[in-house]
Amino acid sequence: MDIVLYYAPIACSLVPFVTLTEAGAKFEVRNINLQKGQQKSPEYLKINPKHKVPLLVVDGRTLSENAAIQTWIARTFPDARLMPRDPWQELQALSIVAWCSSGIHPFLTRLNAPLRICDVPGTEDSVRKLAMESLFENYKLADTMLAGREFFFDHFTAADAHFYWTFRRGKLFDLDLSGFANCMAHFDRMEQRPSVQKLLAYEKSVQAEFAKAA
């Protein structure tokens, strides 16, 4: 099986990098420099008109959107237990993955690029303020879900990988996240996992490569 992951540093493409690593899958990583707009190059648009990462290519077939990608990885590598075995719990895990994608990620985008939401002069601070309020509301929900637990379920799943990205992205905005102790503890546990350490080392190498080419 030939697996290719299109990846960009910092972006949510780190999620399948982590879960593919957890699964012990052999995969090739192809880096996309978002700062240089490579996601909108004719070559990339040909295989992914959505011009986003991640994109998974399996034996020449493309799959986009993290919820679908995580489902494929979990089903293809069942021994990795990337989803709970119980059918109801599996759906709950998919619910968390979808929530990370559609319920948390958009507010991170607003914080990062407020002008994509409203280009009226002088509105950036307001967009960021409202986005932070909604982001914190979601972090509070996650903090409650993680109370007294190491992970969202009885063991590490794809839900943990995806929430790790959403919380890490929030930390990169230098927000005061001290009110979310359970999320912080989850983040620290995730950073100790070999799969995440491998991802962080890889990310650092790609950032250095991109900086050289700038």
N, C-alpha and C. Protein backbone atom coordinates (compact mmCIF):
# COMPACT_ATOMS: atom_id res chain seq x y z
N MET A 1 0.84 -1.19 0.00
CA MET A 1 0.00 0.00 0.00
C MET A 1 0.89 1.25 0.00
N ASP A 2 0.60 2.17 -0.92
CA ASP A 2 1.38 3.40 -1.05
C ASP A 2 0.59 4.55 -0.44
N ILE A 3 1.11 5.12 0.66
CA ILE A 3 0.42 6.18 1.38
C ILE A 3 1.26 7.45 1.33
N VAL A 4 0.65 8.52 0.89
CA VAL A 4 1.32 9.83 0.84
C VAL A 4 0.49 10.83 1.63
N LEU A 5 1.15 11.57 2.51
CA LEU A 5 0.48 12.61 3.29
C LEU A 5 1.02 13.97 2.87
N TYR A 6 0.14 14.83 2.41
CA TYR A 6 0.51 16.21 2.13
C TYR A 6 0.36 17.00 3.43
N TYR A 7 1.44 17.66 3.81
CA TYR A 7 1.59 18.19 5.17
C TYR A 7 2.16 19.61 5.12
N ALA A 8 1.76 20.43 6.09
CA ALA A 8 2.36 21.75 6.28
C ALA A 8 2.61 21.96 7.77
N PRO A 9 3.73 22.56 8.14
CA PRO A 9 4.01 22.81 9.55
C PRO A 9 2.92 23.66 10.19
N ILE A 10 2.69 23.41 11.47
CA ILE A 10 1.71 24.13 12.30
C ILE A 10 0.28 23.72 11.98
N ALA A 11 -0.01 23.42 10.73
CA ALA A 11 -1.38 23.15 10.29
C ALA A 11 -1.90 21.83 10.86
N CYS A 12 -3.21 21.61 10.70
CA CYS A 12 -3.86 20.43 11.25
C CYS A 12 -3.47 19.14 10.53
N SER A 13 -2.59 19.24 9.53
CA SER A 13 -2.06 18.03 8.91
C SER A 13 -1.16 17.26 9.86
N LEU A 14 -0.84 17.87 11.01
CA LEU A 14 -0.07 17.11 12.00
C LEU A 14 -0.89 15.97 12.58
N VAL A 15 -2.23 16.09 12.52
CA VAL A 15 -3.09 15.06 13.11
C VAL A 15 -2.89 13.70 12.43
N PRO A 16 -3.02 13.58 11.11
CA PRO A 16 -2.77 12.28 10.49
C PRO A 16 -1.31 11.86 10.54
N PHE A 17 -0.38 12.82 10.63
CA PHE A 17 1.02 12.44 10.81
C PHE A 17 1.15 11.65 12.11
N VAL A 18 0.52 12.16 13.17
CA VAL A 18 0.59 11.50 14.47
C VAL A 18 -0.11 10.14 14.43
N THR A 19 -1.31 10.08 13.88
CA THR A 19 -2.06 8.83 13.92
C THR A 19 -1.47 7.77 12.98
N LEU A 20 -0.95 8.19 11.84
CA LEU A 20 -0.26 7.23 10.97
C LEU A 20 0.97 6.66 11.67
N THR A 21 1.66 7.52 12.40
CA THR A 21 2.83 7.08 13.17
C THR A 21 2.41 6.13 14.28
N GLU A 22 1.33 6.47 14.98
CA GLU A 22 0.82 5.60 16.03
C GLU A 22 0.44 4.23 15.46
N ALA A 23 -0.05 4.22 14.24
CA ALA A 23 -0.49 2.98 13.60
C ALA A 23 0.67 2.15 13.07
N GLY A 24 1.85 2.73 13.06
CA GLY A 24 2.99 2.01 12.50
C GLY A 24 2.95 1.93 10.99
N ALA A 25 2.22 2.84 10.37
CA ALA A 25 2.08 2.83 8.92
C ALA A 25 3.34 3.38 8.25
N LYS A 26 3.66 2.83 7.09
CA LYS A 26 4.71 3.40 6.26
C LYS A 26 4.08 4.43 5.34
N PHE A 27 4.56 5.66 5.43
CA PHE A 27 3.97 6.71 4.60
C PHE A 27 5.02 7.73 4.21
N GLU A 28 4.80 8.32 3.05
CA GLU A 28 5.66 9.39 2.55
C GLU A 28 5.01 10.72 2.89
N VAL A 29 5.82 11.69 3.27
CA VAL A 29 5.31 13.03 3.56
C VAL A 29 5.78 13.98 2.46
N ARG A 30 4.85 14.71 1.91
CA ARG A 30 5.19 15.74 0.93
C ARG A 30 4.80 17.09 1.52
N ASN A 31 5.78 17.96 1.64
CA ASN A 31 5.59 19.22 2.35
C ASN A 31 5.00 20.30 1.45
N ILE A 32 4.07 21.03 2.03
CA ILE A 32 3.44 22.16 1.34
C ILE A 32 3.79 23.44 2.11
N ASN A 33 4.38 24.39 1.42
CA ASN A 33 4.73 25.66 2.04
C ASN A 33 3.55 26.63 1.89
N LEU A 34 2.76 26.75 2.95
CA LEU A 34 1.57 27.60 2.89
C LEU A 34 1.94 29.07 2.74
N GLN A 35 3.07 29.47 3.33
CA GLN A 35 3.48 30.87 3.26
C GLN A 35 3.79 31.28 1.82
N LYS A 36 4.25 30.33 1.03
CA LYS A 36 4.55 30.63 -0.37
C LYS A 36 3.38 30.32 -1.29
N GLY A 37 2.27 29.87 -0.71
CA GLY A 37 1.08 29.62 -1.51
C GLY A 37 1.12 28.36 -2.34
N GLN A 38 1.95 27.39 -1.93
CA GLN A 38 2.05 26.16 -2.72
C GLN A 38 0.74 25.38 -2.75
N GLN A 39 -0.13 25.63 -1.76
CA GLN A 39 -1.42 24.93 -1.74
C GLN A 39 -2.32 25.39 -2.89
N LYS A 40 -1.97 26.50 -3.53
CA LYS A 40 -2.76 27.00 -4.66
C LYS A 40 -2.02 26.87 -5.98
N SER A 41 -0.97 26.09 -5.97
CA SER A 41 -0.24 25.85 -7.22
C SER A 41 -1.09 24.97 -8.13
N PRO A 42 -0.92 25.09 -9.44
CA PRO A 42 -1.69 24.24 -10.36
C PRO A 42 -1.52 22.75 -10.08
N GLU A 43 -0.30 22.37 -9.68
CA GLU A 43 -0.03 20.95 -9.41
C GLU A 43 -0.85 20.43 -8.24
N TYR A 44 -0.91 21.25 -7.18
CA TYR A 44 -1.65 20.79 -6.00
C TYR A 44 -3.15 20.89 -6.22
N LEU A 45 -3.59 21.96 -6.86
CA LEU A 45 -5.02 22.11 -7.13
C LEU A 45 -5.57 20.97 -7.99
N LYS A 46 -4.70 20.40 -8.80
CA LYS A 46 -5.13 19.29 -9.66
C LYS A 46 -5.55 18.09 -8.83
N ILE A 47 -4.86 17.86 -7.70
CA ILE A 47 -5.22 16.71 -6.87
C ILE A 47 -6.11 17.09 -5.69
N ASN A 48 -6.10 18.39 -5.32
CA ASN A 48 -6.94 18.84 -4.21
C ASN A 48 -7.47 20.25 -4.49
N PRO A 49 -8.60 20.35 -5.18
CA PRO A 49 -9.17 21.66 -5.50
C PRO A 49 -9.54 22.49 -4.26
N LYS A 50 -9.63 21.84 -3.10
CA LYS A 50 -9.92 22.58 -1.86
C LYS A 50 -8.72 23.41 -1.39
N HIS A 51 -7.58 23.17 -1.98
CA HIS A 51 -6.31 23.85 -1.68
C HIS A 51 -6.02 23.94 -0.17
N LYS A 52 -6.17 22.80 0.49
CA LYS A 52 -5.87 22.74 1.92
C LYS A 52 -5.06 21.48 2.23
N VAL A 53 -4.52 21.45 3.44
CA VAL A 53 -3.92 20.23 3.98
C VAL A 53 -4.71 19.89 5.24
N PRO A 54 -4.74 18.61 5.61
CA PRO A 54 -4.04 17.49 5.00
C PRO A 54 -4.76 16.94 3.78
N LEU A 55 -4.00 16.25 2.99
CA LEU A 55 -4.55 15.42 1.92
C LEU A 55 -3.83 14.08 2.00
N LEU A 56 -4.60 13.02 1.97
CA LEU A 56 -4.03 11.67 1.98
C LEU A 56 -4.23 11.06 0.60
N VAL A 57 -3.17 10.48 0.08
CA VAL A 57 -3.25 9.79 -1.21
C VAL A 57 -2.88 8.34 -0.96
N VAL A 58 -3.81 7.46 -1.23
CA VAL A 58 -3.62 6.03 -0.99
C VAL A 58 -3.73 5.29 -2.32
N ASP A 59 -2.61 4.73 -2.75
CA ASP A 59 -2.57 4.03 -4.04
C ASP A 59 -3.19 4.87 -5.15
N GLY A 60 -2.86 6.16 -5.12
CA GLY A 60 -3.31 7.06 -6.17
C GLY A 60 -4.67 7.69 -5.95
N ARG A 61 -5.40 7.25 -4.94
CA ARG A 61 -6.72 7.82 -4.65
C ARG A 61 -6.60 8.86 -3.54
N THR A 62 -7.29 9.98 -3.69
CA THR A 62 -7.15 11.08 -2.74
C THR A 62 -8.29 11.09 -1.72
N LEU A 63 -7.94 11.52 -0.51
CA LEU A 63 -8.91 11.65 0.57
C LEU A 63 -8.59 12.92 1.35
N SER A 64 -9.56 13.81 1.46
CA SER A 64 -9.38 15.05 2.21
C SER A 64 -10.30 15.06 3.42
N GLU A 65 -10.12 16.04 4.28
CA GLU A 65 -10.88 16.26 5.52
C GLU A 65 -10.43 15.28 6.61
N ASN A 66 -10.02 15.86 7.73
CA ASN A 66 -9.46 15.06 8.80
C ASN A 66 -10.40 13.99 9.33
N ALA A 67 -11.68 14.30 9.42
CA ALA A 67 -12.62 13.30 9.95
C ALA A 67 -12.61 12.03 9.09
N ALA A 68 -12.59 12.21 7.77
CA ALA A 68 -12.55 11.06 6.86
C ALA A 68 -11.19 10.37 6.92
N ILE A 69 -10.14 11.17 6.95
CA ILE A 69 -8.79 10.60 6.98
C ILE A 69 -8.58 9.78 8.25
N GLN A 70 -9.02 10.31 9.39
CA GLN A 70 -8.86 9.58 10.64
C GLN A 70 -9.67 8.29 10.64
N THR A 71 -10.84 8.33 10.06
CA THR A 71 -11.67 7.12 9.97
C THR A 71 -10.97 6.06 9.12
N TRP A 72 -10.39 6.50 8.00
CA TRP A 72 -9.68 5.54 7.14
C TRP A 72 -8.49 4.93 7.86
N ILE A 73 -7.70 5.75 8.53
CA ILE A 73 -6.53 5.23 9.24
C ILE A 73 -6.95 4.23 10.31
N ALA A 74 -7.98 4.59 11.07
CA ALA A 74 -8.45 3.70 12.15
C ALA A 74 -8.95 2.38 11.60
N ARG A 75 -9.67 2.41 10.49
CA ARG A 75 -10.21 1.18 9.92
C ARG A 75 -9.13 0.34 9.25
N THR A 76 -8.13 1.00 8.69
CA THR A 76 -7.08 0.28 7.96
C THR A 76 -6.08 -0.35 8.92
N PHE A 77 -5.90 0.26 10.08
CA PHE A 77 -4.95 -0.24 11.07
C PHE A 77 -5.67 -0.47 12.41
N PRO A 78 -6.56 -1.43 12.45
CA PRO A 78 -7.40 -1.62 13.65
C PRO A 78 -6.62 -1.96 14.91
N ASP A 79 -5.46 -2.60 14.75
CA ASP A 79 -4.68 -2.98 15.93
C ASP A 79 -4.15 -1.76 16.69
N ALA A 80 -4.11 -0.61 16.02
CA ALA A 80 -3.62 0.61 16.68
C ALA A 80 -4.66 1.19 17.63
N ARG A 81 -5.90 0.72 17.52
CA ARG A 81 -7.00 1.16 18.41
C ARG A 81 -7.15 2.69 18.40
N LEU A 82 -7.15 3.26 17.20
CA LEU A 82 -7.28 4.71 17.07
C LEU A 82 -8.71 5.18 17.26
N MET A 83 -9.63 4.24 17.32
CA MET A 83 -11.01 4.51 17.70
C MET A 83 -11.41 3.47 18.74
N PRO A 84 -12.31 3.82 19.64
CA PRO A 84 -12.79 2.82 20.61
C PRO A 84 -13.47 1.66 19.88
N ARG A 85 -13.39 0.48 20.47
CA ARG A 85 -14.00 -0.70 19.85
C ARG A 85 -15.52 -0.69 19.96
N ASP A 86 -16.03 -0.17 21.07
CA ASP A 86 -17.48 -0.11 21.25
C ASP A 86 -18.09 0.82 20.20
N PRO A 87 -19.13 0.37 19.47
CA PRO A 87 -19.70 1.18 18.38
C PRO A 87 -20.17 2.56 18.83
N TRP A 88 -20.81 2.64 20.00
CA TRP A 88 -21.30 3.95 20.46
C TRP A 88 -20.13 4.87 20.80
N GLN A 89 -19.12 4.30 21.47
CA GLN A 89 -17.95 5.10 21.81
C GLN A 89 -17.18 5.52 20.55
N GLU A 90 -17.19 4.65 19.54
CA GLU A 90 -16.55 5.02 18.28
C GLU A 90 -17.22 6.25 17.69
N LEU A 91 -18.55 6.28 17.73
CA LEU A 91 -19.27 7.44 17.22
C LEU A 91 -18.97 8.68 18.05
N GLN A 92 -18.82 8.50 19.36
CA GLN A 92 -18.47 9.63 20.22
C GLN A 92 -17.09 10.18 19.86
N ALA A 93 -16.17 9.27 19.55
CA ALA A 93 -14.83 9.71 19.14
C ALA A 93 -14.88 10.47 17.82
N LEU A 94 -15.67 9.96 16.88
CA LEU A 94 -15.84 10.67 15.60
C LEU A 94 -16.49 12.03 15.82
N SER A 95 -17.40 12.09 16.79
CA SER A 95 -18.03 13.36 17.12
C SER A 95 -16.99 14.38 17.60
N ILE A 96 -16.04 13.93 18.41
CA ILE A 96 -14.99 14.84 18.89
C ILE A 96 -14.09 15.29 17.74
N VAL A 97 -13.75 14.36 16.86
CA VAL A 97 -12.93 14.71 15.69
C VAL A 97 -13.65 15.75 14.83
N ALA A 98 -14.94 15.54 14.59
CA ALA A 98 -15.72 16.49 13.80
C ALA A 98 -15.83 17.83 14.51
N TRP A 99 -15.99 17.79 15.83
CA TRP A 99 -16.06 19.02 16.63
C TRP A 99 -14.76 19.81 16.53
N CYS A 100 -13.63 19.11 16.62
CA CYS A 100 -12.35 19.79 16.47
C CYS A 100 -12.25 20.48 15.11
N SER A 101 -12.73 19.79 14.06
CA SER A 101 -12.65 20.33 12.70
C SER A 101 -13.59 21.50 12.47
N SER A 102 -14.85 21.33 12.90
CA SER A 102 -15.86 22.33 12.54
C SER A 102 -16.28 23.24 13.69
N GLY A 103 -16.02 22.82 14.93
CA GLY A 103 -16.46 23.60 16.08
C GLY A 103 -15.37 24.38 16.77
N ILE A 104 -14.09 24.00 16.55
CA ILE A 104 -12.97 24.69 17.19
C ILE A 104 -12.05 25.33 16.16
N HIS A 105 -11.70 24.58 15.14
CA HIS A 105 -10.77 25.06 14.12
C HIS A 105 -11.17 26.42 13.53
N PRO A 106 -12.44 26.67 13.19
CA PRO A 106 -12.79 27.96 12.59
C PRO A 106 -12.42 29.16 13.46
N PHE A 107 -12.49 29.02 14.78
CA PHE A 107 -12.14 30.14 15.65
C PHE A 107 -10.63 30.36 15.69
N LEU A 108 -9.86 29.30 15.52
CA LEU A 108 -8.42 29.44 15.41
C LEU A 108 -8.07 30.17 14.11
N THR A 109 -8.79 29.88 13.06
CA THR A 109 -8.59 30.59 11.79
C THR A 109 -8.88 32.07 11.93
N ARG A 110 -9.94 32.40 12.66
CA ARG A 110 -10.28 33.80 12.87
C ARG A 110 -9.19 34.53 13.65
N LEU A 111 -8.61 33.86 14.64
CA LEU A 111 -7.53 34.46 15.40
C LEU A 111 -6.31 34.68 14.51
N ASN A 112 -6.04 33.73 13.65
CA ASN A 112 -4.86 33.79 12.81
C ASN A 112 -5.01 34.76 11.65
N ALA A 113 -6.19 34.82 11.07
CA ALA A 113 -6.40 35.64 9.86
C ALA A 113 -7.76 36.32 9.92
N PRO A 114 -7.92 37.32 10.79
CA PRO A 114 -9.24 37.96 10.94
C PRO A 114 -9.75 38.62 9.67
N LEU A 115 -8.84 39.03 8.79
CA LEU A 115 -9.28 39.70 7.56
C LEU A 115 -9.97 38.74 6.59
N ARG A 116 -9.79 37.43 6.80
CA ARG A 116 -10.53 36.49 5.97
C ARG A 116 -12.01 36.49 6.33
N ILE A 117 -12.31 36.93 7.54
CA ILE A 117 -13.69 36.92 8.03
C ILE A 117 -14.36 38.26 7.77
N CYS A 118 -13.62 39.34 8.01
CA CYS A 118 -14.18 40.68 7.80
C CYS A 118 -13.04 41.61 7.39
N ASP A 119 -13.15 42.19 6.18
CA ASP A 119 -12.08 43.04 5.69
C ASP A 119 -12.37 44.52 5.89
N VAL A 120 -13.38 44.84 6.71
CA VAL A 120 -13.66 46.24 7.04
C VAL A 120 -12.52 46.77 7.91
N PRO A 121 -11.93 47.89 7.55
CA PRO A 121 -10.80 48.42 8.32
C PRO A 121 -11.15 48.59 9.80
N GLY A 122 -10.22 48.19 10.65
CA GLY A 122 -10.38 48.40 12.08
C GLY A 122 -11.17 47.33 12.80
N THR A 123 -11.52 46.26 12.11
CA THR A 123 -12.35 45.22 12.75
C THR A 123 -11.54 44.03 13.27
N GLU A 124 -10.23 44.02 13.00
CA GLU A 124 -9.44 42.84 13.35
C GLU A 124 -9.52 42.50 14.84
N ASP A 125 -9.40 43.52 15.68
CA ASP A 125 -9.41 43.26 17.12
C ASP A 125 -10.75 42.69 17.58
N SER A 126 -11.83 43.18 17.00
CA SER A 126 -13.15 42.68 17.36
C SER A 126 -13.33 41.23 16.93
N VAL A 127 -12.88 40.91 15.72
CA VAL A 127 -12.97 39.53 15.23
C VAL A 127 -12.18 38.60 16.14
N ARG A 128 -10.98 39.04 16.52
CA ARG A 128 -10.14 38.20 17.39
C ARG A 128 -10.77 38.04 18.77
N LYS A 129 -11.34 39.10 19.29
CA LYS A 129 -11.96 39.04 20.62
C LYS A 129 -13.11 38.04 20.64
N LEU A 130 -13.99 38.14 19.65
CA LEU A 130 -15.13 37.23 19.59
C LEU A 130 -14.68 35.78 19.35
N ALA A 131 -13.64 35.63 18.52
CA ALA A 131 -13.13 34.29 18.26
C ALA A 131 -12.54 33.68 19.53
N MET A 132 -11.82 34.49 20.29
CA MET A 132 -11.21 33.98 21.53
C MET A 132 -12.29 33.57 22.53
N GLU A 133 -13.36 34.33 22.62
CA GLU A 133 -14.45 33.98 23.54
C GLU A 133 -15.05 32.63 23.17
N SER A 134 -15.29 32.42 21.89
CA SER A 134 -15.87 31.15 21.44
C SER A 134 -14.87 30.00 21.59
N LEU A 135 -13.60 30.29 21.32
CA LEU A 135 -12.57 29.27 21.48
C LEU A 135 -12.50 28.83 22.94
N PHE A 136 -12.52 29.78 23.86
CA PHE A 136 -12.44 29.45 25.28
C PHE A 136 -13.67 28.67 25.74
N GLU A 137 -14.81 28.96 25.16
CA GLU A 137 -16.02 28.20 25.50
C GLU A 137 -15.82 26.72 25.13
N ASN A 138 -15.21 26.48 23.98
CA ASN A 138 -14.94 25.11 23.55
C ASN A 138 -13.87 24.45 24.40
N TYR A 139 -12.84 25.19 24.74
CA TYR A 139 -11.81 24.64 25.62
C TYR A 139 -12.39 24.27 26.98
N LYS A 140 -13.32 25.06 27.45
CA LYS A 140 -13.96 24.76 28.74
C LYS A 140 -14.72 23.43 28.66
N LEU A 141 -15.42 23.21 27.55
CA LEU A 141 -16.13 21.94 27.36
C LEU A 141 -15.14 20.78 27.37
N ALA A 142 -14.04 20.94 26.65
CA ALA A 142 -13.04 19.88 26.60
C ALA A 142 -12.43 19.66 27.98
N ASP A 143 -12.22 20.74 28.72
CA ASP A 143 -11.64 20.63 30.05
C ASP A 143 -12.54 19.79 30.96
N THR A 144 -13.84 19.98 30.83
CA THR A 144 -14.80 19.19 31.60
C THR A 144 -14.76 17.72 31.18
N MET A 145 -14.68 17.49 29.87
CA MET A 145 -14.63 16.12 29.35
C MET A 145 -13.39 15.37 29.82
N LEU A 146 -12.30 16.11 30.03
CA LEU A 146 -11.03 15.49 30.39
C LEU A 146 -10.81 15.41 31.90
N ALA A 147 -11.76 15.88 32.67
CA ALA A 147 -11.61 15.86 34.14
C ALA A 147 -11.42 14.43 34.64
N GLY A 148 -10.33 14.20 35.36
CA GLY A 148 -10.08 12.88 35.93
C GLY A 148 -9.68 11.82 34.93
N ARG A 149 -9.32 12.25 33.69
CA ARG A 149 -8.99 11.29 32.64
C ARG A 149 -7.65 11.64 32.01
N GLU A 150 -6.97 10.63 31.51
CA GLU A 150 -5.75 10.89 30.75
C GLU A 150 -6.08 11.26 29.31
N PHE A 151 -7.09 10.58 28.76
CA PHE A 151 -7.50 10.82 27.39
C PHE A 151 -9.02 10.94 27.35
N PHE A 152 -9.57 11.23 26.17
CA PHE A 152 -11.02 11.37 26.07
C PHE A 152 -11.74 10.04 26.31
N PHE A 153 -11.04 8.95 26.02
CA PHE A 153 -11.61 7.62 26.25
C PHE A 153 -10.64 6.83 27.13
N ASP A 154 -10.80 5.54 27.21
CA ASP A 154 -9.97 4.74 28.11
C ASP A 154 -8.53 4.57 27.62
N HIS A 155 -8.27 4.99 26.40
CA HIS A 155 -6.92 4.92 25.85
C HIS A 155 -6.80 6.00 24.78
N PHE A 156 -5.60 6.24 24.31
CA PHE A 156 -5.36 7.22 23.26
C PHE A 156 -6.16 6.86 22.00
N THR A 157 -6.78 7.86 21.41
CA THR A 157 -7.49 7.69 20.14
C THR A 157 -7.20 8.88 19.22
N ALA A 158 -7.73 8.80 18.02
CA ALA A 158 -7.58 9.91 17.07
C ALA A 158 -8.18 11.20 17.62
N ALA A 159 -9.17 11.08 18.49
CA ALA A 159 -9.77 12.28 19.10
C ALA A 159 -8.72 13.05 19.90
N ASP A 160 -7.85 12.34 20.58
CA ASP A 160 -6.80 12.99 21.36
C ASP A 160 -5.81 13.71 20.44
N ALA A 161 -5.47 13.07 19.34
CA ALA A 161 -4.54 13.68 18.39
C ALA A 161 -5.11 14.98 17.83
N HIS A 162 -6.39 14.96 17.51
CA HIS A 162 -6.98 16.15 16.90
C HIS A 162 -7.14 17.27 17.92
N PHE A 163 -7.60 16.92 19.14
CA PHE A 163 -7.73 17.98 20.13
C PHE A 163 -6.36 18.55 20.50
N TYR A 164 -5.35 17.70 20.54
CA TYR A 164 -3.99 18.18 20.81
C TYR A 164 -3.64 19.30 19.84
N TRP A 165 -3.95 19.10 18.55
CA TRP A 165 -3.63 20.15 17.59
C TRP A 165 -4.40 21.43 17.91
N THR A 166 -5.69 21.33 18.21
CA THR A 166 -6.46 22.55 18.45
C THR A 166 -5.94 23.31 19.67
N PHE A 167 -5.50 22.57 20.69
CA PHE A 167 -5.00 23.25 21.88
C PHE A 167 -3.59 23.81 21.63
N ARG A 168 -2.79 23.05 20.92
CA ARG A 168 -1.44 23.55 20.58
C ARG A 168 -1.53 24.82 19.75
N ARG A 169 -2.46 24.84 18.82
CA ARG A 169 -2.61 26.04 17.97
C ARG A 169 -2.99 27.24 18.83
N GLY A 170 -3.86 27.01 19.82
CA GLY A 170 -4.22 28.10 20.72
C GLY A 170 -3.03 28.59 21.51
N LYS A 171 -2.17 27.68 21.94
CA LYS A 171 -0.98 28.06 22.70
C LYS A 171 -0.04 28.91 21.85
N LEU A 172 -0.01 28.67 20.56
CA LEU A 172 0.88 29.42 19.68
C LEU A 172 0.44 30.86 19.49
N PHE A 173 -0.79 31.17 19.89
CA PHE A 173 -1.26 32.56 19.85
C PHE A 173 -0.94 33.30 21.15
N ASP A 174 -0.24 32.65 22.04
CA ASP A 174 0.15 33.25 23.31
C ASP A 174 -1.07 33.68 24.13
N LEU A 175 -2.10 32.83 24.12
CA LEU A 175 -3.30 33.09 24.90
C LEU A 175 -3.07 32.60 26.33
N ASP A 176 -3.80 33.17 27.25
CA ASP A 176 -3.73 32.71 28.65
C ASP A 176 -4.65 31.50 28.79
N LEU A 177 -4.07 30.32 28.79
CA LEU A 177 -4.84 29.09 28.85
C LEU A 177 -4.75 28.44 30.23
N SER A 178 -4.33 29.21 31.22
CA SER A 178 -4.12 28.66 32.56
C SER A 178 -5.42 28.18 33.21
N GLY A 179 -6.56 28.65 32.71
CA GLY A 179 -7.84 28.24 33.28
C GLY A 179 -8.31 26.87 32.82
N PHE A 180 -7.52 26.22 31.98
CA PHE A 180 -7.92 24.92 31.43
C PHE A 180 -6.89 23.86 31.84
N ALA A 181 -6.88 23.58 33.14
CA ALA A 181 -5.84 22.70 33.71
C ALA A 181 -5.88 21.30 33.11
N ASN A 182 -7.06 20.76 32.87
CA ASN A 182 -7.16 19.40 32.33
C ASN A 182 -6.68 19.36 30.87
N CYS A 183 -6.98 20.40 30.12
CA CYS A 183 -6.49 20.48 28.74
C CYS A 183 -4.97 20.61 28.73
N MET A 184 -4.44 21.41 29.65
CA MET A 184 -2.99 21.57 29.74
C MET A 184 -2.32 20.25 30.08
N ALA A 185 -2.90 19.50 31.02
CA ALA A 185 -2.33 18.20 31.40
C ALA A 185 -2.39 17.23 30.22
N HIS A 186 -3.49 17.25 29.49
CA HIS A 186 -3.62 16.41 28.29
C HIS A 186 -2.57 16.79 27.27
N PHE A 187 -2.37 18.08 27.07
CA PHE A 187 -1.36 18.57 26.14
C PHE A 187 0.03 18.06 26.53
N ASP A 188 0.36 18.16 27.82
CA ASP A 188 1.67 17.70 28.29
C ASP A 188 1.84 16.20 28.09
N ARG A 189 0.78 15.43 28.33
CA ARG A 189 0.87 13.98 28.10
C ARG A 189 1.08 13.69 26.63
N MET A 190 0.37 14.40 25.78
CA MET A 190 0.52 14.18 24.35
C MET A 190 1.94 14.49 23.88
N GLU A 191 2.55 15.52 24.44
CA GLU A 191 3.89 15.91 24.01
C GLU A 191 4.93 14.86 24.40
N GLN A 192 4.59 13.98 25.30
CA GLN A 192 5.51 12.91 25.70
C GLN A 192 5.39 11.67 24.83
N ARG A 193 4.37 11.60 24.01
CA ARG A 193 4.19 10.42 23.18
C ARG A 193 5.24 10.41 22.06
N PRO A 194 5.85 9.25 21.79
CA PRO A 194 6.87 9.17 20.73
C PRO A 194 6.36 9.68 19.38
N SER A 195 5.10 9.42 19.07
CA SER A 195 4.55 9.87 17.78
C SER A 195 4.55 11.39 17.69
N VAL A 196 4.22 12.05 18.79
CA VAL A 196 4.19 13.52 18.79
C VAL A 196 5.61 14.07 18.79
N GLN A 197 6.51 13.44 19.52
CA GLN A 197 7.90 13.89 19.51
C GLN A 197 8.51 13.76 18.11
N LYS A 198 8.15 12.67 17.42
CA LYS A 198 8.61 12.51 16.04
C LYS A 198 8.05 13.62 15.16
N LEU A 199 6.77 13.94 15.34
CA LEU A 199 6.13 15.01 14.58
C LEU A 199 6.81 16.35 14.84
N LEU A 200 7.08 16.66 16.10
CA LEU A 200 7.68 17.96 16.44
C LEU A 200 9.08 18.09 15.85
N ALA A 201 9.84 17.00 15.87
CA ALA A 201 11.17 17.03 15.28
C ALA A 201 11.08 17.22 13.77
N TYR A 202 10.11 16.54 13.15
CA TYR A 202 9.93 16.68 11.71
C TYR A 202 9.50 18.10 11.36
N GLU A 203 8.57 18.64 12.13
CA GLU A 203 8.09 20.00 11.89
C GLU A 203 9.25 20.99 11.94
N LYS A 204 10.09 20.82 12.94
CA LYS A 204 11.23 21.73 13.09
C LYS A 204 12.15 21.66 11.87
N SER A 205 12.38 20.46 11.36
CA SER A 205 13.26 20.30 10.20
C SER A 205 12.64 20.94 8.95
N VAL A 206 11.34 20.80 8.81
CA VAL A 206 10.67 21.39 7.64
C VAL A 206 10.69 22.91 7.73
N GLN A 207 10.45 23.45 8.92
CA GLN A 207 10.49 24.90 9.09
C GLN A 207 11.88 25.45 8.76
N ALA A 208 12.91 24.72 9.17
CA ALA A 208 14.28 25.16 8.85
C ALA A 208 14.52 25.10 7.35
N GLU A 209 14.00 24.08 6.71
CA GLU A 209 14.15 23.94 5.25
C GLU A 209 13.44 25.08 4.53
N PHE A 210 12.24 25.40 4.97
CA PHE A 210 11.48 26.49 4.36
C PHE A 210 12.18 27.83 4.58
N ALA A 211 12.76 28.02 5.77
CA ALA A 211 13.45 29.27 6.08
C ALA A 211 14.67 29.47 5.17
N LYS A 212 15.37 28.38 4.87
CA LYS A 212 16.53 28.45 3.99
C LYS A 212 16.12 28.87 2.59
N ALA A 213 14.95 28.36 2.18
CA ALA A 213 14.49 28.62 0.81
C ALA A 213 13.85 30.00 0.66
N ALA A 214 13.61 30.67 1.78
CA ALA A 214 12.91 31.97 1.73
C ALA A 214 13.79 33.04 1.07
